[in-house]
Amino acid sequence: MQTPYLVAAILAALTGLVHSVLGEILIFRHLRDGSLVPALGAPPLRERNVRIIWATWHLATLFGWAFAGVLLQLALGHPLSASLVTGAIVFAYLGGAVLVLVGTKGRHPGWVALTAVAALTAASAP
């Protein structure tokens, strides 16, 4: 067991969780009208701006969790295989694509690029 990697994995996972939860409590709850995705504009931001900020906020958490998974494998002494790294990348990018797609009702093209990265990565996996 590699303790520094384990502590780093736990810290990365917890940081992502705290980041998303505090963002929802401190920022996004004030911009909600009862829906999952905040849609109330807050000058100078318009609804579409708030929606992409929400998606991007949680995208950082997904990327952190993907890295936490890689760190956990290192902590357990497992070699970093291409399939493990590929899985982490696909998880992060596909999850991000869903966030941007739902968060912006498909209006922000970022979901297309995130999906393409996930698909190309998955297709290239050994």
C-alpha atoms as a PDB file:
ATOM      1  CA  MET A   1       0.000   0.000   0.000  1.00  0.00           C
ATOM      2  CA  GLN A   2       1.327   3.393  -1.006  1.00  0.00           C
ATOM      3  CA  THR A   3      -0.007   5.662   1.734  1.00  0.00           C
ATOM      4  CA  PRO A   4       0.786   9.010   0.052  1.00  0.00           C
ATOM      5  CA  TYR A   5      -1.157   7.931  -3.061  1.00  0.00           C
ATOM      6  CA  LEU A   6      -4.038   6.732  -0.894  1.00  0.00           C
ATOM      7  CA  VAL A   7      -4.206  10.011   1.016  1.00  0.00           C
ATOM      8  CA  ALA A   8      -4.024  11.910  -2.280  1.00  0.00           C
ATOM      9  CA  ALA A   9      -6.858   9.788  -3.742  1.00  0.00           C
ATOM     10  CA  ILE A  10      -9.070  10.355  -0.711  1.00  0.00           C
ATOM     11  CA  LEU A  11      -8.269  14.065  -0.693  1.00  0.00           C
ATOM     12  CA  ALA A  12      -9.027  14.371  -4.421  1.00  0.00           C
ATOM     13  CA  ALA A  13     -12.359  12.562  -4.046  1.00  0.00           C
ATOM     14  CA  LEU A  14     -13.359  14.594  -0.990  1.00  0.00           C
ATOM     15  CA  THR A  15     -12.282  17.868  -2.598  1.00  0.00           C
ATOM     16  CA  GLY A  16     -14.513  17.110  -5.576  1.00  0.00           C
ATOM     17  CA  LEU A  17     -17.443  16.264  -3.330  1.00  0.00           C
ATOM     18  CA  VAL A  18     -17.013  19.357  -1.160  1.00  0.00           C
ATOM     19  CA  HIS A  19     -16.531  21.520  -4.267  1.00  0.00           C
ATOM     20  CA  SER A  20     -19.824  20.383  -5.780  1.00  0.00           C
ATOM     21  CA  VAL A  21     -21.820  20.447  -2.546  1.00  0.00           C
ATOM     22  CA  LEU A  22     -20.603  23.885  -1.470  1.00  0.00           C
ATOM     23  CA  GLY A  23     -21.119  25.238  -4.976  1.00  0.00           C
ATOM     24  CA  GLU A  24     -24.712  24.056  -4.871  1.00  0.00           C
ATOM     25  CA  ILE A  25     -25.299  25.485  -1.397  1.00  0.00           C
ATOM     26  CA  LEU A  26     -23.422  28.772  -1.661  1.00  0.00           C
ATOM     27  CA  ILE A  27     -23.905  29.696  -5.305  1.00  0.00           C
ATOM     28  CA  PHE A  28     -26.379  27.712  -7.353  1.00  0.00           C
ATOM     29  CA  ARG A  29     -29.285  27.363  -4.899  1.00  0.00           C
ATOM     30  CA  HIS A  30     -29.836  31.111  -5.237  1.00  0.00           C
ATOM     31  CA  LEU A  31     -30.122  30.745  -9.007  1.00  0.00           C
ATOM     32  CA  ARG A  32     -32.659  27.909  -9.079  1.00  0.00           C
ATOM     33  CA  ASP A  33     -36.330  28.031  -9.863  1.00  0.00           C
ATOM     34  CA  GLY A  34     -37.023  24.516  -8.613  1.00  0.00           C
ATOM     35  CA  SER A  35     -35.176  22.660 -11.369  1.00  0.00           C
ATOM     36  CA  LEU A  36     -31.982  20.606 -11.260  1.00  0.00           C
ATOM     37  CA  VAL A  37     -30.047  23.052 -13.405  1.00  0.00           C
ATOM     38  CA  PRO A  38     -30.041  26.653 -12.185  1.00  0.00           C
ATOM     39  CA  ALA A  39     -31.704  28.903 -14.721  1.00  0.00           C
ATOM     40  CA  LEU A  40     -32.226  32.260 -13.046  1.00  0.00           C
ATOM     41  CA  GLY A  41     -30.022  34.961 -14.442  1.00  0.00           C
ATOM     42  CA  ALA A  42     -28.057  37.117 -12.035  1.00  0.00           C
ATOM     43  CA  PRO A  43     -26.931  40.354 -13.671  1.00  0.00           C
ATOM     44  CA  PRO A  44     -24.674  40.624 -15.543  1.00  0.00           C
ATOM     45  CA  LEU A  45     -25.153  36.887 -16.220  1.00  0.00           C
ATOM     46  CA  ARG A  46     -28.003  35.595 -18.307  1.00  0.00           C
ATOM     47  CA  GLU A  47     -29.679  32.198 -17.951  1.00  0.00           C
ATOM     48  CA  ARG A  48     -27.417  30.580 -20.556  1.00  0.00           C
ATOM     49  CA  ASN A  49     -24.331  31.876 -18.738  1.00  0.00           C
ATOM     50  CA  VAL A  50     -25.495  30.469 -15.406  1.00  0.00           C
ATOM     51  CA  ARG A  51     -26.271  27.093 -16.983  1.00  0.00           C
ATOM     52  CA  ILE A  52     -22.792  26.649 -18.521  1.00  0.00           C
ATOM     53  CA  ILE A  53     -21.110  27.852 -15.324  1.00  0.00           C
ATOM     54  CA  TRP A  54     -23.070  25.195 -13.405  1.00  0.00           C
ATOM     55  CA  ALA A  55     -22.016  22.459 -15.844  1.00  0.00           C
ATOM     56  CA  THR A  56     -18.391  23.571 -15.803  1.00  0.00           C
ATOM     57  CA  TRP A  57     -18.411  23.783 -12.008  1.00  0.00           C
ATOM     58  CA  HIS A  58     -19.372  20.119 -11.731  1.00  0.00           C
ATOM     59  CA  LEU A  59     -17.076  19.119 -14.595  1.00  0.00           C
ATOM     60  CA  ALA A  60     -14.140  20.019 -12.350  1.00  0.00           C
ATOM     61  CA  THR A  61     -15.487  17.533  -9.799  1.00  0.00           C
ATOM     62  CA  LEU A  62     -15.750  14.753 -12.383  1.00  0.00           C
ATOM     63  CA  PHE A  63     -12.187  15.320 -13.521  1.00  0.00           C
ATOM     64  CA  GLY A  64     -11.036  15.261  -9.891  1.00  0.00           C
ATOM     65  CA  TRP A  65     -12.830  11.957  -9.309  1.00  0.00           C
ATOM     66  CA  ALA A  66     -11.241  10.446 -12.405  1.00  0.00           C
ATOM     67  CA  PHE A  67      -7.798  11.376 -11.095  1.00  0.00           C
ATOM     68  CA  ALA A  68      -8.775  10.037  -7.657  1.00  0.00           C
ATOM     69  CA  GLY A  69      -9.511   6.681  -9.273  1.00  0.00           C
ATOM     70  CA  VAL A  70      -6.080   6.614 -10.903  1.00  0.00           C
ATOM     71  CA  LEU A  71      -4.426   7.592  -7.619  1.00  0.00           C
ATOM     72  CA  LEU A  72      -6.311   4.842  -5.804  1.00  0.00           C
ATOM     73  CA  GLN A  73      -4.973   2.257  -8.239  1.00  0.00           C
ATOM     74  CA  LEU A  74      -1.467   3.548  -7.636  1.00  0.00           C
ATOM     75  CA  ALA A  75      -2.064   3.392  -3.870  1.00  0.00           C
ATOM     76  CA  LEU A  76      -3.104  -0.241  -4.133  1.00  0.00           C
ATOM     77  CA  GLY A  77       0.062  -1.045  -6.045  1.00  0.00           C
ATOM     78  CA  HIS A  78      -1.732  -1.813  -9.288  1.00  0.00           C
ATOM     79  CA  PRO A  79       0.180  -0.944 -12.419  1.00  0.00           C
ATOM     80  CA  LEU A  80      -1.371   1.802 -14.496  1.00  0.00           C
ATOM     81  CA  SER A  81      -2.701  -0.083 -17.455  1.00  0.00           C
ATOM     82  CA  ALA A  82      -3.920   1.596 -20.597  1.00  0.00           C
ATOM     83  CA  SER A  83      -7.429   0.331 -19.864  1.00  0.00           C
ATOM     84  CA  LEU A  84      -7.437   1.926 -16.412  1.00  0.00           C
ATOM     85  CA  VAL A  85      -6.288   5.300 -17.687  1.00  0.00           C
ATOM     86  CA  THR A  86      -8.657   5.040 -20.640  1.00  0.00           C
ATOM     87  CA  GLY A  87     -11.553   4.274 -18.309  1.00  0.00           C
ATOM     88  CA  ALA A  88     -10.799   7.321 -16.177  1.00  0.00           C
ATOM     89  CA  ILE A  89     -10.612   9.548 -19.256  1.00  0.00           C
ATOM     90  CA  VAL A  90     -13.834   8.185 -20.740  1.00  0.00           C
ATOM     91  CA  PHE A  91     -15.634   8.568 -17.382  1.00  0.00           C
ATOM     92  CA  ALA A  92     -14.540  12.192 -17.012  1.00  0.00           C
ATOM     93  CA  TYR A  93     -15.235  13.292 -20.574  1.00  0.00           C
ATOM     94  CA  LEU A  94     -18.488  11.418 -21.048  1.00  0.00           C
ATOM     95  CA  GLY A  95     -19.767  12.648 -17.689  1.00  0.00           C
ATOM     96  CA  GLY A  96     -18.748  16.157 -18.669  1.00  0.00           C
ATOM     97  CA  ALA A  97     -20.562  15.823 -21.974  1.00  0.00           C
ATOM     98  CA  VAL A  98     -23.754  14.861 -20.163  1.00  0.00           C
ATOM     99  CA  LEU A  99     -23.397  17.798 -17.764  1.00  0.00           C
ATOM    100  CA  VAL A 100     -22.926  20.298 -20.588  1.00  0.00           C
ATOM    101  CA  LEU A 101     -25.684  18.727 -22.712  1.00  0.00           C
ATOM    102  CA  VAL A 102     -28.223  18.788 -19.876  1.00  0.00           C
ATOM    103  CA  GLY A 103     -26.968  22.019 -18.348  1.00  0.00           C
ATOM    104  CA  THR A 104     -27.231  24.005 -21.564  1.00  0.00           C
ATOM    105  CA  LYS A 105     -30.106  22.098 -23.194  1.00  0.00           C
ATOM    106  CA  GLY A 106     -27.670  21.155 -25.952  1.00  0.00           C
ATOM    107  CA  ARG A 107     -27.022  24.760 -26.937  1.00  0.00           C
ATOM    108  CA  HIS A 108     -23.354  24.850 -25.954  1.00  0.00           C
ATOM    109  CA  PRO A 109     -21.237  22.849 -28.427  1.00  0.00           C
ATOM    110  CA  GLY A 110     -18.814  21.749 -25.709  1.00  0.00           C
ATOM    111  CA  TRP A 111     -20.806  18.553 -25.199  1.00  0.00           C
ATOM    112  CA  VAL A 112     -19.988  17.490 -28.769  1.00  0.00           C
ATOM    113  CA  ALA A 113     -16.244  17.899 -28.247  1.00  0.00           C
ATOM    114  CA  LEU A 114     -16.345  16.168 -24.839  1.00  0.00           C
ATOM    115  CA  THR A 115     -18.293  13.259 -26.354  1.00  0.00           C
ATOM    116  CA  ALA A 116     -15.837  13.021 -29.238  1.00  0.00           C
ATOM    117  CA  VAL A 117     -12.877  12.811 -26.830  1.00  0.00           C
ATOM    118  CA  ALA A 118     -14.644  10.070 -24.835  1.00  0.00           C
ATOM    119  CA  ALA A 119     -15.602   8.132 -27.972  1.00  0.00           C
ATOM    120  CA  LEU A 120     -12.172   8.374 -29.585  1.00  0.00           C
ATOM    121  CA  THR A 121     -10.500   7.375 -26.331  1.00  0.00           C
ATOM    122  CA  ALA A 122     -12.837   4.401 -25.865  1.00  0.00           C
ATOM    123  CA  ALA A 123     -12.387   3.335 -29.487  1.00  0.00           C
ATOM    124  CA  SER A 124      -8.608   3.411 -29.121  1.00  0.00           C
ATOM    125  CA  ALA A 125      -8.601   1.327 -25.936  1.00  0.00           C
ATOM    126  CA  PRO A 126      -6.741  -1.966 -26.060  1.00  0.00           C
END
